[in-house]
N, C-alpha and C. Protein backbone atom coordinates (compact mmCIF):
# COMPACT_ATOMS: atom_id res chain seq x y z
N MET A 1 27.83 3.68 3.25
CA MET A 1 27.31 3.17 4.43
C MET A 1 27.69 4.20 5.58
N GLY A 2 27.12 3.97 6.75
CA GLY A 2 27.29 4.88 7.72
C GLY A 2 26.16 5.39 8.35
N LYS A 3 26.34 5.89 9.78
CA LYS A 3 25.29 6.31 10.35
C LYS A 3 25.46 7.95 10.62
N ILE A 4 24.27 8.64 10.57
CA ILE A 4 24.35 10.07 10.76
C ILE A 4 23.08 10.37 11.60
N THR A 5 23.46 10.97 12.70
CA THR A 5 22.50 11.52 13.85
C THR A 5 22.12 13.03 13.66
N VAL A 6 20.81 13.36 13.49
CA VAL A 6 20.42 14.77 13.42
C VAL A 6 19.43 14.69 14.57
N GLU A 7 18.89 15.81 14.80
CA GLU A 7 18.12 16.19 15.93
C GLU A 7 16.81 15.25 15.84
N THR A 8 16.23 14.94 14.78
CA THR A 8 14.92 14.16 14.82
C THR A 8 15.07 12.85 14.48
N CYS A 9 16.40 12.38 14.14
CA CYS A 9 16.24 10.95 13.76
C CYS A 9 17.77 10.50 13.34
N GLU A 10 18.07 9.10 13.43
CA GLU A 10 19.32 8.66 12.86
C GLU A 10 19.06 8.08 11.34
N ILE A 11 19.90 8.28 10.55
CA ILE A 11 19.76 7.80 9.00
C ILE A 11 20.99 6.87 8.97
N ASP A 12 20.79 5.52 8.63
CA ASP A 12 21.81 4.57 8.26
C ASP A 12 21.77 4.44 6.85
N GLY A 13 23.07 4.46 6.16
CA GLY A 13 23.13 4.15 4.96
C GLY A 13 23.43 2.70 4.73
N LEU A 14 22.97 2.12 3.67
CA LEU A 14 23.12 0.53 3.49
C LEU A 14 24.08 0.13 2.55
N GLU A 15 24.33 -1.14 2.35
CA GLU A 15 25.22 -1.65 1.35
C GLU A 15 24.83 -1.47 -0.01
N ILE A 16 23.60 -1.25 -0.37
CA ILE A 16 23.20 -0.62 -1.76
C ILE A 16 23.15 0.80 -1.56
N GLU A 17 23.92 1.51 -2.07
CA GLU A 17 24.24 2.99 -2.32
C GLU A 17 22.89 3.85 -2.49
N GLY A 18 22.50 4.72 -1.69
CA GLY A 18 21.28 5.42 -1.87
C GLY A 18 20.16 5.10 -1.05
N LEU A 19 20.00 3.67 -0.84
CA LEU A 19 19.02 3.22 0.29
C LEU A 19 19.38 3.60 1.71
N LYS A 20 18.40 4.02 2.25
CA LYS A 20 18.70 4.39 3.79
C LYS A 20 17.61 3.98 4.74
N ILE A 21 17.90 3.62 6.15
CA ILE A 21 16.88 3.39 7.00
C ILE A 21 16.91 4.59 8.06
N VAL A 22 15.73 5.09 8.29
CA VAL A 22 15.39 6.33 8.94
C VAL A 22 14.77 5.88 10.40
N THR A 23 15.60 6.13 11.35
CA THR A 23 15.08 5.65 12.75
C THR A 23 14.73 7.09 13.51
N PRO A 24 13.49 7.32 13.63
CA PRO A 24 13.15 8.75 14.34
C PRO A 24 13.34 8.73 15.88
N SER A 25 13.63 9.90 16.16
CA SER A 25 13.53 10.12 17.78
C SER A 25 12.21 10.13 18.31
N VAL A 26 11.92 9.21 19.41
CA VAL A 26 10.63 9.05 19.77
C VAL A 26 10.66 9.40 21.27
N PHE A 27 9.80 10.39 21.36
CA PHE A 27 9.65 10.97 22.94
C PHE A 27 8.31 10.46 23.47
N GLY A 28 8.35 9.70 24.44
CA GLY A 28 7.29 9.07 25.07
C GLY A 28 7.22 9.06 26.57
N ASP A 29 5.93 9.15 27.08
CA ASP A 29 5.55 8.94 28.39
C ASP A 29 4.31 8.41 28.58
N GLU A 30 3.64 8.52 29.81
CA GLU A 30 2.23 7.83 30.13
C GLU A 30 1.25 8.13 29.14
N ARG A 31 1.36 9.44 28.53
CA ARG A 31 0.34 9.90 27.57
C ARG A 31 0.45 9.11 26.08
N GLY A 32 1.46 8.72 25.91
CA GLY A 32 1.73 8.15 24.59
C GLY A 32 3.00 8.56 24.21
N TYR A 33 3.28 8.90 22.86
CA TYR A 33 4.40 9.22 22.24
C TYR A 33 4.27 10.51 21.23
N PHE A 34 5.47 11.21 20.73
CA PHE A 34 5.62 12.18 19.83
C PHE A 34 6.79 11.85 19.00
N MET A 35 6.81 12.15 17.68
CA MET A 35 8.07 11.94 16.74
C MET A 35 7.83 12.86 15.54
N GLU A 36 8.79 13.30 15.09
CA GLU A 36 8.56 14.11 13.69
C GLU A 36 9.06 12.86 12.58
N THR A 37 7.99 12.67 11.71
CA THR A 37 8.31 11.80 10.78
C THR A 37 9.15 12.24 9.45
N TYR A 38 9.09 13.63 9.54
CA TYR A 38 9.83 14.17 8.30
C TYR A 38 10.29 15.64 8.63
N ASN A 39 11.51 15.96 8.57
CA ASN A 39 11.81 17.37 9.08
C ASN A 39 12.87 17.81 7.68
N TYR A 40 12.53 18.52 6.94
CA TYR A 40 13.41 18.83 5.65
C TYR A 40 14.91 19.16 5.99
N ASN A 41 15.05 20.10 6.96
CA ASN A 41 16.31 20.68 7.34
C ASN A 41 17.09 19.45 7.92
N ASP A 42 16.60 18.58 8.79
CA ASP A 42 17.38 17.68 9.36
C ASP A 42 17.61 16.45 8.17
N PHE A 43 16.66 16.12 7.35
CA PHE A 43 16.95 15.16 6.23
C PHE A 43 18.00 15.73 5.36
N LYS A 44 18.00 16.89 4.98
CA LYS A 44 18.92 17.47 4.11
C LYS A 44 20.28 17.33 4.74
N GLU A 45 20.54 17.85 6.05
CA GLU A 45 21.79 17.60 6.75
C GLU A 45 22.18 16.12 6.57
N ALA A 46 21.38 15.07 6.57
CA ALA A 46 21.92 13.67 6.63
C ALA A 46 21.83 13.19 5.15
N GLY A 47 21.75 14.09 4.12
CA GLY A 47 21.86 13.67 2.90
C GLY A 47 20.80 13.47 2.10
N ILE A 48 19.68 13.51 2.54
CA ILE A 48 18.48 13.30 1.79
C ILE A 48 17.78 14.70 1.57
N ASP A 49 18.31 15.22 0.47
CA ASP A 49 17.77 16.54 -0.12
C ASP A 49 16.83 16.60 -1.21
N GLN A 50 15.73 15.96 -0.87
CA GLN A 50 14.45 15.87 -1.98
C GLN A 50 13.39 16.67 -1.41
N VAL A 51 12.57 17.12 -2.43
CA VAL A 51 11.37 17.84 -2.17
C VAL A 51 10.30 16.85 -2.59
N PHE A 52 9.36 16.58 -1.55
CA PHE A 52 8.27 15.54 -1.62
C PHE A 52 6.96 16.28 -2.21
N VAL A 53 6.29 15.70 -3.29
CA VAL A 53 5.19 16.77 -3.60
C VAL A 53 4.06 15.65 -3.68
N GLN A 54 3.91 14.46 -3.19
CA GLN A 54 2.86 13.64 -3.02
C GLN A 54 2.68 12.81 -1.93
N ASP A 55 1.96 12.58 -0.88
CA ASP A 55 1.63 11.67 0.15
C ASP A 55 0.52 10.63 -0.33
N ASN A 56 0.87 9.53 -0.19
CA ASN A 56 0.06 8.24 -0.35
C ASN A 56 -0.12 7.33 0.91
N GLN A 57 -1.27 6.59 0.91
CA GLN A 57 -1.35 5.75 2.11
C GLN A 57 -2.25 4.79 1.46
N SER A 58 -2.00 3.35 1.89
CA SER A 58 -2.81 2.27 1.42
C SER A 58 -2.99 1.24 2.79
N ALA A 59 -4.04 0.62 2.66
CA ALA A 59 -4.28 -0.44 3.72
C ALA A 59 -4.55 -1.91 2.96
N SER A 60 -3.86 -2.87 3.81
CA SER A 60 -3.88 -4.17 3.19
C SER A 60 -4.12 -5.17 4.27
N LYS A 61 -4.53 -6.48 4.17
CA LYS A 61 -4.66 -7.32 4.97
C LYS A 61 -3.53 -8.28 4.98
N LYS A 62 -3.21 -9.23 5.80
CA LYS A 62 -2.10 -10.18 5.86
C LYS A 62 -2.05 -10.95 4.42
N GLY A 63 -0.70 -11.14 4.10
CA GLY A 63 -0.57 -11.87 2.76
C GLY A 63 -0.60 -10.97 1.47
N VAL A 64 -1.02 -9.52 1.60
CA VAL A 64 -1.30 -8.80 0.43
C VAL A 64 0.39 -8.54 -0.06
N LEU A 65 0.77 -8.74 -1.11
CA LEU A 65 1.98 -8.56 -1.73
C LEU A 65 1.96 -7.45 -2.98
N ARG A 66 2.39 -6.21 -2.70
CA ARG A 66 2.10 -5.13 -3.77
C ARG A 66 3.55 -5.03 -4.46
N GLY A 67 3.66 -5.06 -5.64
CA GLY A 67 5.06 -4.69 -6.06
C GLY A 67 5.40 -5.92 -7.29
N LEU A 68 6.69 -5.79 -7.66
CA LEU A 68 7.59 -4.64 -7.58
C LEU A 68 7.58 -3.45 -8.54
N HIS A 69 7.15 -2.23 -8.18
CA HIS A 69 6.56 -1.33 -8.98
C HIS A 69 7.62 -0.05 -9.13
N PHE A 70 7.68 0.71 -10.32
CA PHE A 70 8.42 1.86 -10.47
C PHE A 70 7.78 2.64 -11.43
N GLN A 71 8.09 3.95 -11.62
CA GLN A 71 7.72 4.69 -12.74
C GLN A 71 8.91 4.75 -13.76
N ILE A 72 8.56 4.92 -15.13
CA ILE A 72 9.60 4.57 -16.13
C ILE A 72 10.09 6.06 -16.41
N ASN A 73 9.25 6.93 -16.84
CA ASN A 73 9.74 8.21 -17.38
C ASN A 73 9.86 9.25 -16.16
N PHE A 74 9.13 9.02 -15.24
CA PHE A 74 8.96 9.88 -14.04
C PHE A 74 9.24 9.37 -12.69
N PRO A 75 10.62 8.93 -12.75
CA PRO A 75 10.84 8.08 -11.40
C PRO A 75 10.65 8.96 -10.12
N GLN A 76 10.50 8.35 -9.05
CA GLN A 76 10.25 8.72 -7.65
C GLN A 76 11.27 8.38 -6.72
N ASP A 77 11.79 9.24 -5.83
CA ASP A 77 12.49 8.98 -4.70
C ASP A 77 11.12 8.72 -3.69
N LYS A 78 11.26 7.83 -2.68
CA LYS A 78 10.17 7.55 -1.89
C LYS A 78 10.69 7.53 -0.49
N LEU A 79 9.88 7.95 0.56
CA LEU A 79 10.16 7.69 2.00
C LEU A 79 9.03 6.91 2.34
N VAL A 80 9.02 5.77 2.81
CA VAL A 80 8.06 4.94 3.06
C VAL A 80 7.79 4.55 4.82
N ARG A 81 6.87 4.13 5.21
CA ARG A 81 6.73 4.00 6.55
C ARG A 81 5.44 3.02 6.84
N VAL A 82 5.22 2.45 8.07
CA VAL A 82 3.93 1.81 8.47
C VAL A 82 3.29 2.45 9.50
N VAL A 83 2.18 2.70 9.38
CA VAL A 83 1.52 3.49 10.34
C VAL A 83 0.65 2.47 11.39
N SER A 84 0.17 1.46 10.77
CA SER A 84 -0.35 0.40 11.51
C SER A 84 0.04 -1.08 10.96
N GLY A 85 0.46 -1.99 12.09
CA GLY A 85 0.81 -3.31 11.55
C GLY A 85 2.32 -3.34 11.24
N GLU A 86 2.60 -4.51 10.22
CA GLU A 86 4.10 -4.58 9.83
C GLU A 86 4.13 -5.12 8.57
N VAL A 87 5.03 -4.71 7.78
CA VAL A 87 5.27 -5.12 6.45
C VAL A 87 6.80 -5.54 6.30
N TYR A 88 7.12 -6.18 5.05
CA TYR A 88 8.46 -6.56 4.85
C TYR A 88 8.52 -5.78 3.41
N ASP A 89 9.33 -4.56 3.65
CA ASP A 89 9.57 -3.87 2.39
C ASP A 89 10.77 -3.90 1.64
N VAL A 90 10.76 -3.97 0.23
CA VAL A 90 11.88 -4.45 -0.63
C VAL A 90 12.04 -3.32 -1.61
N ALA A 91 13.44 -2.99 -1.98
CA ALA A 91 14.08 -2.21 -3.03
C ALA A 91 14.75 -2.88 -3.88
N VAL A 92 14.73 -2.88 -5.21
CA VAL A 92 15.52 -3.53 -6.25
C VAL A 92 16.22 -2.44 -6.81
N ASP A 93 17.55 -2.29 -7.12
CA ASP A 93 18.31 -1.52 -7.65
C ASP A 93 18.20 -1.74 -9.29
N LEU A 94 17.70 -0.42 -10.02
CA LEU A 94 17.41 -0.54 -11.55
C LEU A 94 18.28 0.58 -11.93
N ARG A 95 19.28 1.09 -11.35
CA ARG A 95 20.02 2.29 -11.82
C ARG A 95 21.19 1.62 -12.73
N GLU A 96 21.07 2.34 -13.95
CA GLU A 96 21.83 1.90 -15.23
C GLU A 96 23.15 2.22 -14.72
N GLY A 97 24.11 1.23 -14.99
CA GLY A 97 25.66 1.32 -14.49
C GLY A 97 25.71 1.22 -13.03
N SER A 98 24.94 0.91 -12.29
CA SER A 98 25.16 0.70 -10.83
C SER A 98 25.87 -0.71 -10.62
N LYS A 99 26.87 -0.57 -9.60
CA LYS A 99 27.43 -1.87 -9.25
C LYS A 99 26.53 -2.96 -8.71
N THR A 100 25.46 -2.44 -8.01
CA THR A 100 24.47 -3.29 -7.38
C THR A 100 23.31 -3.32 -8.28
N PHE A 101 23.30 -3.22 -9.44
CA PHE A 101 22.27 -3.40 -10.50
C PHE A 101 21.48 -4.73 -10.26
N GLY A 102 20.09 -4.84 -10.11
CA GLY A 102 19.52 -6.09 -9.80
C GLY A 102 19.48 -6.61 -8.36
N LYS A 103 20.28 -5.89 -7.62
CA LYS A 103 20.47 -6.55 -6.07
C LYS A 103 19.14 -5.99 -5.58
N TRP A 104 18.80 -6.58 -4.41
CA TRP A 104 17.72 -6.23 -3.66
C TRP A 104 18.00 -6.07 -2.02
N PHE A 105 17.30 -5.23 -1.32
CA PHE A 105 17.53 -4.91 -0.01
C PHE A 105 16.14 -5.04 0.64
N GLY A 106 15.92 -5.72 1.83
CA GLY A 106 14.51 -5.85 2.54
C GLY A 106 14.67 -5.35 3.94
N VAL A 107 13.50 -4.76 4.34
CA VAL A 107 13.74 -4.47 5.85
C VAL A 107 12.18 -4.49 6.47
N HIS A 108 12.06 -4.83 7.77
CA HIS A 108 10.74 -4.92 8.49
C HIS A 108 10.35 -3.47 8.81
N LEU A 109 9.23 -3.14 8.46
CA LEU A 109 8.66 -1.79 8.86
C LEU A 109 7.34 -2.22 9.76
N SER A 110 7.24 -1.41 10.79
CA SER A 110 6.03 -1.65 11.67
C SER A 110 5.76 -0.30 12.24
N ALA A 111 4.44 -0.26 12.85
CA ALA A 111 4.16 0.82 13.74
C ALA A 111 4.96 0.74 14.97
N GLU A 112 5.27 -0.51 15.36
CA GLU A 112 6.17 -0.66 16.55
C GLU A 112 7.56 -0.25 16.55
N ASN A 113 8.34 -0.33 15.48
CA ASN A 113 9.53 0.00 15.27
C ASN A 113 9.74 1.41 14.69
N LYS A 114 8.81 1.94 14.22
CA LYS A 114 8.59 3.27 13.41
C LYS A 114 9.70 3.66 12.51
N LYS A 115 10.36 2.58 12.02
CA LYS A 115 11.49 2.96 11.05
C LYS A 115 10.82 3.41 9.77
N GLN A 116 11.51 4.06 8.91
CA GLN A 116 11.29 4.50 7.71
C GLN A 116 12.35 3.95 6.65
N PHE A 117 12.05 3.96 5.43
CA PHE A 117 12.79 3.42 4.40
C PHE A 117 12.73 4.52 3.19
N PHE A 118 14.17 4.99 3.03
CA PHE A 118 14.11 5.98 1.87
C PHE A 118 14.77 5.30 0.79
N ILE A 119 13.97 5.36 -0.43
CA ILE A 119 14.12 4.48 -1.57
C ILE A 119 14.58 5.52 -2.67
N PRO A 120 15.64 5.80 -3.27
CA PRO A 120 15.92 6.78 -4.22
C PRO A 120 14.95 6.46 -5.75
N LYS A 121 15.14 7.27 -6.54
CA LYS A 121 14.76 7.09 -7.96
C LYS A 121 15.48 5.80 -8.44
N ASN A 122 14.72 5.24 -9.51
CA ASN A 122 15.41 4.25 -10.30
C ASN A 122 15.65 2.95 -9.44
N PHE A 123 14.69 2.64 -8.55
CA PHE A 123 14.57 1.51 -7.90
C PHE A 123 13.07 0.86 -7.95
N ALA A 124 12.97 -0.42 -8.11
CA ALA A 124 11.62 -1.09 -7.99
C ALA A 124 11.33 -1.18 -6.55
N HIS A 125 10.24 -1.21 -6.09
CA HIS A 125 9.60 -1.19 -4.74
C HIS A 125 8.35 -1.92 -4.45
N GLY A 126 8.43 -2.87 -3.54
CA GLY A 126 7.30 -3.70 -3.17
C GLY A 126 7.27 -3.77 -1.53
N PHE A 127 5.96 -4.46 -1.12
CA PHE A 127 6.01 -4.90 0.14
C PHE A 127 5.20 -6.00 0.34
N LEU A 128 5.27 -6.78 1.35
CA LEU A 128 4.44 -7.83 1.81
C LEU A 128 3.87 -7.77 3.16
N VAL A 129 2.39 -7.77 3.36
CA VAL A 129 1.90 -7.54 4.71
C VAL A 129 2.02 -8.80 5.65
N LEU A 130 2.64 -8.50 6.76
CA LEU A 130 3.06 -9.51 7.76
C LEU A 130 1.96 -9.64 8.68
N SER A 131 1.23 -8.59 9.05
CA SER A 131 0.37 -8.36 10.37
C SER A 131 -1.11 -8.74 9.84
N ASP A 132 -1.97 -9.00 10.57
CA ASP A 132 -3.20 -9.19 10.05
C ASP A 132 -3.94 -7.95 9.26
N TYR A 133 -3.20 -6.68 9.53
CA TYR A 133 -3.81 -5.53 8.64
C TYR A 133 -2.69 -4.56 8.78
N ALA A 134 -2.36 -3.70 7.71
CA ALA A 134 -1.37 -2.80 7.83
C ALA A 134 -1.72 -1.69 7.04
N GLU A 135 -1.48 -0.42 7.55
CA GLU A 135 -1.53 0.77 6.80
C GLU A 135 -0.15 1.25 6.53
N PHE A 136 0.19 1.55 5.16
CA PHE A 136 1.31 1.87 4.64
C PHE A 136 1.19 3.18 4.12
N ALA A 137 2.27 4.21 4.55
CA ALA A 137 2.10 5.39 3.91
C ALA A 137 3.47 5.99 3.42
N TYR A 138 3.53 6.67 2.35
CA TYR A 138 4.62 7.06 1.72
C TYR A 138 4.68 8.56 0.90
N LYS A 139 5.84 9.08 1.12
CA LYS A 139 5.99 10.39 0.28
C LYS A 139 6.67 10.17 -0.94
N CYS A 140 6.31 10.84 -2.12
CA CYS A 140 6.99 10.79 -3.34
C CYS A 140 7.52 12.00 -3.85
N THR A 141 8.57 12.03 -4.56
CA THR A 141 9.13 13.30 -5.37
C THR A 141 8.72 13.76 -6.53
N ASP A 142 7.70 13.03 -7.08
CA ASP A 142 7.10 13.15 -8.41
C ASP A 142 5.65 12.44 -8.07
N PHE A 143 4.80 13.04 -9.13
CA PHE A 143 3.39 12.88 -8.97
C PHE A 143 3.15 11.41 -9.76
N TYR A 144 2.17 10.67 -9.37
CA TYR A 144 1.84 9.34 -9.78
C TYR A 144 1.43 9.57 -11.45
N HIS A 145 1.98 8.81 -12.42
CA HIS A 145 1.23 8.84 -13.76
C HIS A 145 0.98 7.63 -14.25
N ALA A 146 -0.24 7.47 -14.40
CA ALA A 146 -0.89 6.09 -14.40
C ALA A 146 -0.44 5.44 -15.87
N ASN A 147 0.04 6.14 -16.77
CA ASN A 147 0.50 5.55 -18.03
C ASN A 147 2.00 5.32 -18.04
N ASP A 148 2.76 5.53 -16.72
CA ASP A 148 4.19 5.34 -16.75
C ASP A 148 4.50 4.23 -15.91
N GLU A 149 3.63 3.33 -15.56
CA GLU A 149 4.09 2.22 -14.58
C GLU A 149 4.81 1.06 -15.27
N GLY A 150 5.68 0.72 -14.36
CA GLY A 150 6.58 -0.17 -14.78
C GLY A 150 6.85 -1.31 -13.55
N GLY A 151 7.14 -2.60 -13.79
CA GLY A 151 7.31 -3.38 -12.64
C GLY A 151 8.07 -4.56 -13.20
N LEU A 152 8.50 -5.26 -11.92
CA LEU A 152 9.23 -6.57 -12.04
C LEU A 152 8.44 -7.66 -11.35
N LEU A 153 8.55 -8.87 -11.93
CA LEU A 153 7.90 -9.98 -11.23
C LEU A 153 8.24 -10.10 -9.87
N TRP A 154 7.45 -10.13 -8.83
CA TRP A 154 7.77 -10.20 -7.47
C TRP A 154 8.60 -11.36 -7.13
N ASN A 155 8.42 -12.35 -7.81
CA ASN A 155 9.40 -13.85 -7.54
C ASN A 155 10.38 -14.24 -8.65
N ASP A 156 10.71 -13.20 -9.33
CA ASP A 156 11.89 -13.45 -10.27
C ASP A 156 13.05 -14.14 -9.69
N PRO A 157 13.22 -15.30 -10.11
CA PRO A 157 14.41 -16.13 -9.56
C PRO A 157 15.92 -15.46 -9.63
N GLU A 158 15.87 -14.46 -10.72
CA GLU A 158 17.19 -13.90 -11.10
C GLU A 158 17.51 -12.81 -9.88
N ILE A 159 16.35 -12.19 -9.47
CA ILE A 159 16.43 -11.20 -8.47
C ILE A 159 16.68 -11.84 -7.08
N GLY A 160 15.82 -12.82 -6.89
CA GLY A 160 15.77 -13.64 -5.70
C GLY A 160 15.47 -13.11 -4.37
N VAL A 161 14.43 -12.07 -4.44
CA VAL A 161 13.94 -11.62 -3.17
C VAL A 161 13.45 -12.70 -2.24
N GLN A 162 13.90 -12.89 -0.78
CA GLN A 162 13.78 -13.76 0.00
C GLN A 162 12.45 -13.12 1.10
N TRP A 163 11.23 -13.19 0.30
CA TRP A 163 10.03 -12.80 1.07
C TRP A 163 9.78 -13.57 2.05
N PRO A 164 9.46 -12.92 3.35
CA PRO A 164 9.51 -14.10 4.76
C PRO A 164 7.67 -14.43 4.64
N VAL A 165 7.58 -15.31 3.65
CA VAL A 165 6.33 -15.83 3.61
C VAL A 165 6.20 -16.91 4.67
N GLU A 166 5.28 -16.93 5.59
CA GLU A 166 5.10 -17.71 6.77
C GLU A 166 4.20 -19.09 6.31
N GLU A 167 4.45 -20.07 6.77
CA GLU A 167 3.84 -21.35 6.63
C GLU A 167 2.46 -21.16 6.66
N GLY A 168 1.74 -21.46 5.62
CA GLY A 168 0.24 -21.36 5.67
C GLY A 168 -0.23 -20.08 5.28
N MET A 169 0.70 -19.05 4.98
CA MET A 169 0.25 -17.57 4.68
C MET A 169 -0.08 -17.78 3.18
N GLU A 170 -1.51 -17.15 2.97
CA GLU A 170 -1.87 -17.07 1.66
C GLU A 170 -1.72 -15.83 0.97
N LEU A 171 -1.06 -15.83 -0.17
CA LEU A 171 -0.67 -14.68 -0.64
C LEU A 171 -1.74 -14.02 -1.65
N THR A 172 -1.96 -12.52 -1.74
CA THR A 172 -2.86 -12.10 -2.49
C THR A 172 -2.15 -11.11 -3.36
N ILE A 173 -2.16 -11.27 -4.68
CA ILE A 173 -1.25 -10.45 -5.64
C ILE A 173 -2.12 -10.03 -6.61
N SER A 174 -2.16 -8.66 -7.12
CA SER A 174 -2.89 -8.40 -8.24
C SER A 174 -2.64 -9.10 -9.35
N GLU A 175 -3.66 -9.10 -10.31
CA GLU A 175 -3.43 -9.67 -11.56
C GLU A 175 -2.16 -9.00 -12.40
N LYS A 176 -2.25 -7.78 -12.33
CA LYS A 176 -1.10 -6.92 -12.88
C LYS A 176 0.04 -7.18 -12.48
N ASP A 177 0.32 -7.56 -11.17
CA ASP A 177 1.71 -8.02 -10.43
C ASP A 177 1.98 -9.10 -10.92
N THR A 178 1.28 -10.15 -11.24
CA THR A 178 1.69 -11.42 -11.60
C THR A 178 2.20 -11.58 -13.12
N LYS A 179 1.89 -10.33 -13.84
CA LYS A 179 2.40 -10.27 -15.34
C LYS A 179 3.53 -9.63 -15.70
N TRP A 180 4.22 -8.99 -14.64
CA TRP A 180 5.44 -8.29 -15.02
C TRP A 180 6.44 -9.01 -15.51
N GLY A 181 7.43 -8.80 -16.29
CA GLY A 181 8.42 -9.69 -16.61
C GLY A 181 9.76 -9.64 -15.45
N GLY A 182 10.85 -10.33 -15.68
CA GLY A 182 11.79 -10.27 -14.88
C GLY A 182 12.79 -9.33 -15.08
N ILE A 183 13.85 -9.48 -14.29
CA ILE A 183 15.12 -8.45 -14.66
C ILE A 183 15.86 -8.80 -15.88
N SER A 184 15.68 -9.77 -16.39
CA SER A 184 16.24 -10.06 -17.83
C SER A 184 15.62 -9.34 -18.78
N ALA A 185 14.05 -9.47 -18.75
CA ALA A 185 13.34 -8.69 -19.77
C ALA A 185 13.56 -7.16 -19.56
N TYR A 186 13.66 -6.69 -18.39
CA TYR A 186 13.87 -5.27 -18.15
C TYR A 186 15.29 -4.76 -18.67
N LYS A 187 16.32 -5.55 -18.60
CA LYS A 187 17.64 -5.34 -19.19
C LYS A 187 17.36 -5.05 -20.61
N LYS A 188 16.74 -6.02 -21.33
CA LYS A 188 16.71 -5.91 -22.81
C LYS A 188 15.81 -4.68 -23.17
N GLU A 189 15.07 -4.30 -22.39
CA GLU A 189 14.16 -2.82 -22.66
C GLU A 189 15.05 -1.69 -22.64
N GLN A 190 15.94 -1.79 -21.83
CA GLN A 190 16.78 -0.63 -21.69
C GLN A 190 17.84 -0.19 -22.87
């Protein structure tokens, strides 16, 4: 844990080792604002020394829950952020031998707070859209491999993610995401 300040951002380590919240330096005036969302040299200085090879973006409506996903043989580090709207973003530790294996961490990411979430390899990842509409963007350190998808059930009671589902919110979850096993099934596969 701890905070590292570099020229373009502050990076906070979290209670689950490897997870980091990135708060960019934002320069604004009456015209709007400017910020660097990624600067390899500053990120490296702050302990995030990854080379990102793919950028992805998705759009979703309120109540869409995506996850909890990971790649099995080609794990990815991810740097995620919200371009429009707000989501609750979650990472679950799947690192073999980790003292926080199976533990989760969640953070509100929004266009307004401009925070980013760094998620290292071997974490499951998912998010819930809280605003009427959200655009979600993320960088990855490996390419997507369609035949390498893995996942955990989003509401596995053993993991216990506390999704901030508002009263009356209707969840939209893909059929695939309703069929993943829980963390106990994942442990048996390892």
